[in-house]
Amino acid sequence: MTAIVPPPTDPALLARLHERLEARASGPDAPDVHYRTVDSPVGRLLVAATEAGVARIAFEREGEGAVLQALADRIGPRILRTPGRLDDAARWFDAYFAGSREPFALPLDTRLARGFRLEVLGHLRDVRYGQRVSYAALAATTSSPRAVRAVGTACATNPLPLVIPCHRVTRSDGSVGAYLGGPETKVRLLALESTGVLPS
């Protein structure tokens, strides 16, 4: 029996086909989720968006495959890598890591957070660059002022870290606490915002 060997794939042809697909991916033909990766000083970030705005920012340690599968399960299965559609998000990260206190506003889609967690994200957006707030103090601003643990959970599951700054929330004793990107990343981000320089 003779094995059937598929013809070699032309990378240039695949690139052209992907460009055509990306160009047509708008309006009624738009995928459920667009995504790209962005190289940053804290590692590669996956940025995913719907037509409404950026819906997910994931750290490399979360695993690209796992993140894309979760997006398919929660938003929709049509997912397309479209780097050009997320150039504004890439510019936002460039500006932030270069020390910009308040990069331009990005349109956000917060559908991955619901209920109290979504309320907490709203309060997080009020924590300004360079500020720190404790989990207890943040809880005090919510509809459940004693729900400190639930605030911690909301921060730990924040689908839009960096842009919605859960890294600015620390423990009452001054320690940094947990962070989706790792506690060492949280320390570096806080240092960036206090000194203007991201430590290596």
Protein backbone atom coordinates (compact mmCIF):
# COMPACT_ATOMS: atom_id res chain seq x y z
CA MET A 1 0.00 0.00 0.00
CA THR A 2 1.40 3.38 -1.05
CA ALA A 3 1.24 6.20 1.48
CA ILE A 4 -0.38 9.40 0.28
CA VAL A 5 1.91 12.33 0.90
CA PRO A 6 0.22 15.76 0.94
CA PRO A 7 1.81 18.43 -1.20
CA PRO A 8 4.10 20.88 0.62
CA THR A 9 2.37 23.98 1.97
CA ASP A 10 3.56 27.33 0.69
CA PRO A 11 3.91 29.69 3.71
CA ALA A 12 3.50 32.74 1.47
CA LEU A 13 0.25 31.35 0.07
CA LEU A 14 -1.05 30.65 3.58
CA ALA A 15 -0.14 34.19 4.64
CA ARG A 16 -2.00 35.68 1.67
CA LEU A 17 -5.07 33.54 2.35
CA HIS A 18 -5.04 34.62 6.00
CA GLU A 19 -4.77 38.29 5.00
CA ARG A 20 -7.80 37.91 2.74
CA LEU A 21 -9.74 36.17 5.50
CA GLU A 22 -8.79 38.89 7.99
CA ALA A 23 -9.82 41.65 5.56
CA ARG A 24 -13.28 40.11 5.16
CA ALA A 25 -13.77 39.48 8.87
CA SER A 26 -16.05 42.40 9.65
CA GLY A 27 -19.74 43.14 9.87
CA PRO A 28 -21.89 40.00 9.59
CA ASP A 29 -18.77 37.98 8.66
CA ALA A 30 -16.88 39.01 11.80
CA PRO A 31 -15.64 36.23 14.07
CA ASP A 32 -16.87 36.01 17.64
CA VAL A 33 -13.37 36.82 18.88
CA HIS A 34 -10.34 38.50 17.29
CA TYR A 35 -6.97 37.94 18.93
CA ARG A 36 -3.27 38.62 18.71
CA THR A 37 -0.21 38.34 20.92
CA VAL A 38 1.85 41.28 22.12
CA ASP A 39 5.43 41.03 23.35
CA SER A 40 5.83 43.02 26.56
CA PRO A 41 8.41 43.46 29.33
CA VAL A 42 6.32 41.12 31.52
CA GLY A 43 6.13 38.41 28.86
CA ARG A 44 3.92 37.69 25.92
CA LEU A 45 0.32 38.85 26.36
CA LEU A 46 -2.66 37.47 24.49
CA VAL A 47 -5.19 40.17 23.66
CA ALA A 48 -8.67 39.14 22.52
CA ALA A 49 -11.55 41.36 21.46
CA THR A 50 -15.10 41.22 20.21
CA GLU A 51 -16.64 43.79 17.94
CA ALA A 52 -17.54 45.70 21.14
CA GLY A 53 -14.00 45.97 22.49
CA VAL A 54 -11.12 44.20 24.22
CA ALA A 55 -12.58 41.33 26.24
CA ARG A 56 -9.57 39.40 27.51
CA ILE A 57 -5.91 40.03 28.30
CA ALA A 58 -4.00 36.91 29.30
CA PHE A 59 -0.50 36.37 30.60
CA GLU A 60 1.72 33.79 28.93
CA ARG A 61 1.62 31.57 32.02
CA GLU A 62 -2.13 31.05 31.50
CA GLY A 63 -1.53 29.11 28.27
CA GLU A 64 -2.73 30.38 24.90
CA GLY A 65 -4.66 27.22 24.07
CA ALA A 66 -6.52 27.20 27.38
CA VAL A 67 -7.42 30.89 27.08
CA LEU A 68 -8.69 30.53 23.51
CA GLN A 69 -10.75 27.48 24.48
CA ALA A 70 -12.32 29.40 27.38
CA LEU A 71 -13.16 32.25 25.01
CA ALA A 72 -14.73 29.81 22.57
CA ASP A 73 -16.82 28.32 25.38
CA ARG A 74 -17.95 31.63 26.86
CA ILE A 75 -18.19 33.98 23.87
CA GLY A 76 -18.30 31.93 20.69
CA PRO A 77 -16.35 29.36 18.68
CA ARG A 78 -15.41 31.55 15.71
CA ILE A 79 -11.96 32.81 16.72
CA LEU A 80 -9.53 34.41 14.30
CA ARG A 81 -6.00 35.73 14.73
CA THR A 82 -6.22 39.30 13.40
CA PRO A 83 -3.13 41.26 14.52
CA GLY A 84 -4.02 44.40 12.56
CA ARG A 85 -7.42 44.69 14.22
CA LEU A 86 -5.72 44.97 17.61
CA ASP A 87 -2.97 47.46 16.78
CA ASP A 88 -4.53 50.03 19.15
CA ALA A 89 -4.25 47.57 22.02
CA ALA A 90 -0.60 46.92 21.15
CA ARG A 91 0.03 50.68 21.16
CA TRP A 92 -1.68 50.95 24.56
CA PHE A 93 0.75 48.43 26.05
CA ASP A 94 3.73 50.15 24.43
CA ALA A 95 2.64 53.45 25.99
CA TYR A 96 1.97 51.95 29.40
CA PHE A 97 5.29 50.14 29.67
CA ALA A 98 7.07 53.28 28.44
CA GLY A 99 5.74 55.04 31.56
CA SER A 100 2.60 56.76 30.27
CA ARG A 101 0.45 57.47 33.29
CA GLU A 102 -2.85 57.31 31.47
CA PRO A 103 -2.65 55.79 27.98
CA PHE A 104 -5.60 56.48 25.73
CA ALA A 105 -8.93 54.79 26.45
CA LEU A 106 -9.50 51.40 24.86
CA PRO A 107 -13.01 50.17 24.13
CA LEU A 108 -13.68 47.28 26.49
CA ASP A 109 -16.13 44.39 26.49
CA THR A 110 -16.61 43.26 30.10
CA ARG A 111 -19.03 40.40 29.41
CA LEU A 112 -16.66 37.86 31.00
CA ALA A 113 -17.36 39.36 34.44
CA ARG A 114 -20.83 39.36 35.97
CA GLY A 115 -22.63 40.37 39.12
CA PHE A 116 -20.45 41.46 42.01
CA ARG A 117 -17.26 40.77 40.08
CA LEU A 118 -18.34 43.22 37.39
CA GLU A 119 -19.15 45.78 40.08
CA VAL A 120 -15.63 45.39 41.51
CA LEU A 121 -14.11 45.94 38.05
CA GLY A 122 -16.00 49.22 37.86
CA HIS A 123 -14.47 50.37 41.15
CA LEU A 124 -11.01 49.20 40.06
CA ARG A 125 -11.18 51.61 37.14
CA ASP A 126 -11.35 54.44 39.69
CA VAL A 127 -7.98 53.50 41.23
CA ARG A 128 -5.60 55.92 39.57
CA TYR A 129 -2.11 55.31 38.25
CA GLY A 130 0.44 55.03 41.06
CA GLN A 131 -2.19 54.59 43.76
CA ARG A 132 -2.62 51.53 45.93
CA VAL A 133 -5.75 50.43 47.72
CA SER A 134 -6.29 47.50 50.06
CA TYR A 135 -8.80 44.75 49.34
CA ALA A 136 -10.73 45.89 52.41
CA ALA A 137 -10.79 49.53 51.29
CA LEU A 138 -11.94 48.49 47.83
CA ALA A 139 -14.67 46.31 49.33
CA ALA A 140 -15.86 49.29 51.36
CA THR A 141 -16.73 51.12 48.13
CA THR A 142 -18.97 48.30 46.89
CA SER A 143 -22.52 47.23 47.61
CA SER A 144 -21.09 44.53 49.93
CA PRO A 145 -18.56 46.44 52.06
CA ARG A 146 -17.56 43.37 54.11
CA ALA A 147 -16.99 41.11 51.11
CA VAL A 148 -13.20 41.37 51.20
CA ARG A 149 -12.66 37.79 50.06
CA ALA A 150 -15.09 38.23 47.16
CA VAL A 151 -13.17 41.36 46.12
CA GLY A 152 -10.00 39.29 46.12
CA THR A 153 -11.68 36.71 43.90
CA ALA A 154 -12.87 39.42 41.53
CA CYS A 155 -9.32 40.74 41.24
CA ALA A 156 -7.90 37.24 40.76
CA THR A 157 -10.34 36.54 37.92
CA ASN A 158 -10.16 39.97 36.29
CA PRO A 159 -10.36 39.25 32.53
CA LEU A 160 -8.69 42.58 31.68
CA PRO A 161 -5.58 42.94 33.86
CA LEU A 162 -3.35 45.98 33.32
CA VAL A 163 -6.14 47.91 31.57
CA ILE A 164 -8.42 47.39 34.58
CA PRO A 165 -5.71 47.74 37.23
CA CYS A 166 -6.20 44.97 39.78
CA HIS A 167 -2.42 45.09 40.37
CA ARG A 168 -3.01 48.27 42.38
CA VAL A 169 -4.89 46.31 45.06
CA THR A 170 -2.73 45.01 47.91
CA ARG A 171 -3.24 43.47 51.32
CA SER A 172 -3.87 45.61 54.38
CA ASP A 173 -0.45 44.64 55.77
CA GLY A 174 1.24 46.09 52.68
CA SER A 175 2.14 42.77 51.03
CA VAL A 176 1.15 42.50 47.39
CA GLY A 177 -1.06 39.44 47.51
CA ALA A 178 -1.87 37.18 44.58
CA TYR A 179 -1.91 38.19 40.91
CA LEU A 180 -2.88 36.40 37.72
CA GLY A 181 0.44 37.30 36.14
CA GLY A 182 2.33 36.15 39.25
CA PRO A 183 3.25 38.16 42.37
CA GLU A 184 6.64 39.06 40.89
CA THR A 185 4.89 40.75 37.95
CA LYS A 186 2.64 42.64 40.35
CA VAL A 187 5.69 43.93 42.24
CA ARG A 188 7.27 45.11 38.97
CA LEU A 189 4.10 46.90 37.85
CA LEU A 190 3.78 48.71 41.17
CA ALA A 191 7.44 49.73 40.91
CA LEU A 192 6.88 51.03 37.37
CA GLU A 193 4.01 53.21 38.57
CA SER A 194 5.92 54.56 41.55
CA THR A 195 9.29 55.20 39.90
CA GLY A 196 8.58 55.36 36.16
CA VAL A 197 10.98 52.47 35.55
CA LEU A 198 10.04 48.81 35.22
CA PRO A 199 12.64 46.76 37.15
CA SER A 200 14.15 43.79 35.38
